[in-house]
Amino acid sequence: MRSIFHKNFKKFVRRIKNEILFNLIKSKVDGAIENPARGKLLEQPFRKYKVRGISFDYKNNSYRIAYLLNKGENEIVFLLIDSRENFYSKLKKIL
């Protein structure tokens, strides 16, 4: 499966200085690539776009990863990763 990363996703990952957090994100992304149905469908208004999400915690912060699955072209598009605060408003701007 081919992976595509949105510029906002790349921007967040580039800013990470903590190696443990970076490896945790990498493992979540690898898991989503191996099993794309693993993430749960987000609620409206994102459900109509079939956006899936994975959430995890690290050092008292909650993080979310949002991605789209394009089965026809066998690709997964990672849209956004960020802390839970303002995550959904940022995701609305992307979509």
Foldseek 3Di string as FASTA:
>chain_A
DAEAEDPQAVVVLVPDPDPVVNVVVVVVVVVCLVPVPPFDFDDPPRVVQRKGKDWDDDPNWIKMWIWDADVVVRYIYTYHIDTPVCPVVVVVVSD
